Protein backbone atom coordinates (compact mmCIF):
# COMPACT_ATOMS: atom_id res chain seq x y z
CA MET A 1 25.01 20.39 -31.95
CA VAL A 2 24.62 21.25 -28.28
CA ASN A 3 21.74 23.41 -27.13
CA PRO A 4 23.31 26.71 -26.00
CA ARG A 5 20.42 27.36 -23.59
CA TYR A 6 20.78 24.03 -21.75
CA ARG A 7 21.54 24.65 -18.10
CA PRO A 8 20.89 21.65 -15.84
CA THR A 9 21.03 23.79 -12.72
CA ILE A 10 17.69 25.49 -13.47
CA ALA A 11 14.16 24.70 -14.65
CA ASN A 12 13.65 21.18 -15.98
CA SER A 13 16.77 19.50 -14.74
CA ARG A 14 16.26 15.95 -13.58
CA LYS A 15 18.43 16.31 -10.51
CA PRO A 16 18.62 19.83 -9.11
CA VAL A 17 21.96 20.96 -7.75
CA GLY A 18 22.28 20.57 -3.99
CA SER A 19 19.43 18.12 -3.54
CA LYS A 20 20.16 14.82 -1.87
CA LYS A 21 17.86 11.89 -1.71
CA GLU A 22 16.79 11.48 1.88
CA LEU A 23 16.74 7.95 3.16
CA GLY A 24 13.87 6.98 5.42
CA GLU A 25 14.42 5.61 8.86
CA ILE A 26 13.73 1.95 9.56
CA LYS A 27 11.26 1.41 12.35
CA LYS A 28 12.40 -1.46 14.52
CA ASP A 29 9.62 -1.36 17.10
CA PHE A 30 6.73 -1.36 14.64
CA VAL A 31 3.50 -2.85 15.97
CA TYR A 32 0.75 -3.92 13.59
CA PRO A 33 -2.70 -2.56 14.38
CA ALA A 34 -5.28 -4.93 15.84
CA LYS A 35 -7.20 -6.99 13.33
CA GLU A 36 -10.70 -5.79 12.63
CA LYS A 37 -13.80 -7.85 12.10
CA TYR A 38 -14.24 -8.79 8.42
CA ILE A 39 -17.23 -7.09 6.79
CA GLY A 40 -16.64 -7.88 3.11
CA SER A 41 -18.71 -9.89 0.65
CA HIS A 42 -16.94 -13.26 1.03
CA ILE A 43 -19.10 -15.85 2.78
CA LYS A 44 -16.22 -18.18 3.61
CA SER A 45 -12.88 -17.68 1.94
CA ASP A 46 -9.12 -17.65 2.31
CA LEU A 47 -7.50 -14.30 1.49
CA ALA A 48 -3.70 -14.30 1.43
CA GLY A 49 -3.56 -17.23 3.84
CA VAL A 50 -6.01 -15.69 6.30
CA PRO A 51 -9.42 -17.35 6.63
CA VAL A 52 -12.19 -14.75 6.42
CA SER A 53 -15.96 -14.98 6.63
CA ASN A 54 -18.93 -12.68 6.94
CA GLU A 55 -21.05 -13.95 9.82
CA SER A 56 -24.30 -12.35 8.64
CA TYR A 57 -23.93 -13.93 5.18
CA GLU A 58 -23.16 -17.30 6.80
CA LYS A 59 -26.39 -17.11 8.78
CA TYR A 60 -28.45 -16.04 5.74
CA TYR A 61 -26.98 -18.60 3.32
CA LYS A 62 -26.55 -21.41 5.87
CA ASP A 63 -28.42 -23.96 3.69
CA LEU A 64 -26.30 -23.22 0.59
CA ILE A 65 -22.87 -23.44 2.19
């Protein structure tokens, strides 16, 4: 049995009438921001192929590294 009150054009319809999905523009001249100095808790590590180190931890733990 079909719900007689079902009207997809109002209220809880999944795709409202007249709406179109807008596609975003592709940025071709995108420039990555400058890399910042690492300030995390890794003493010496490799994160996603990028070597990182915290200089203050290296100085403090120099005998343990």
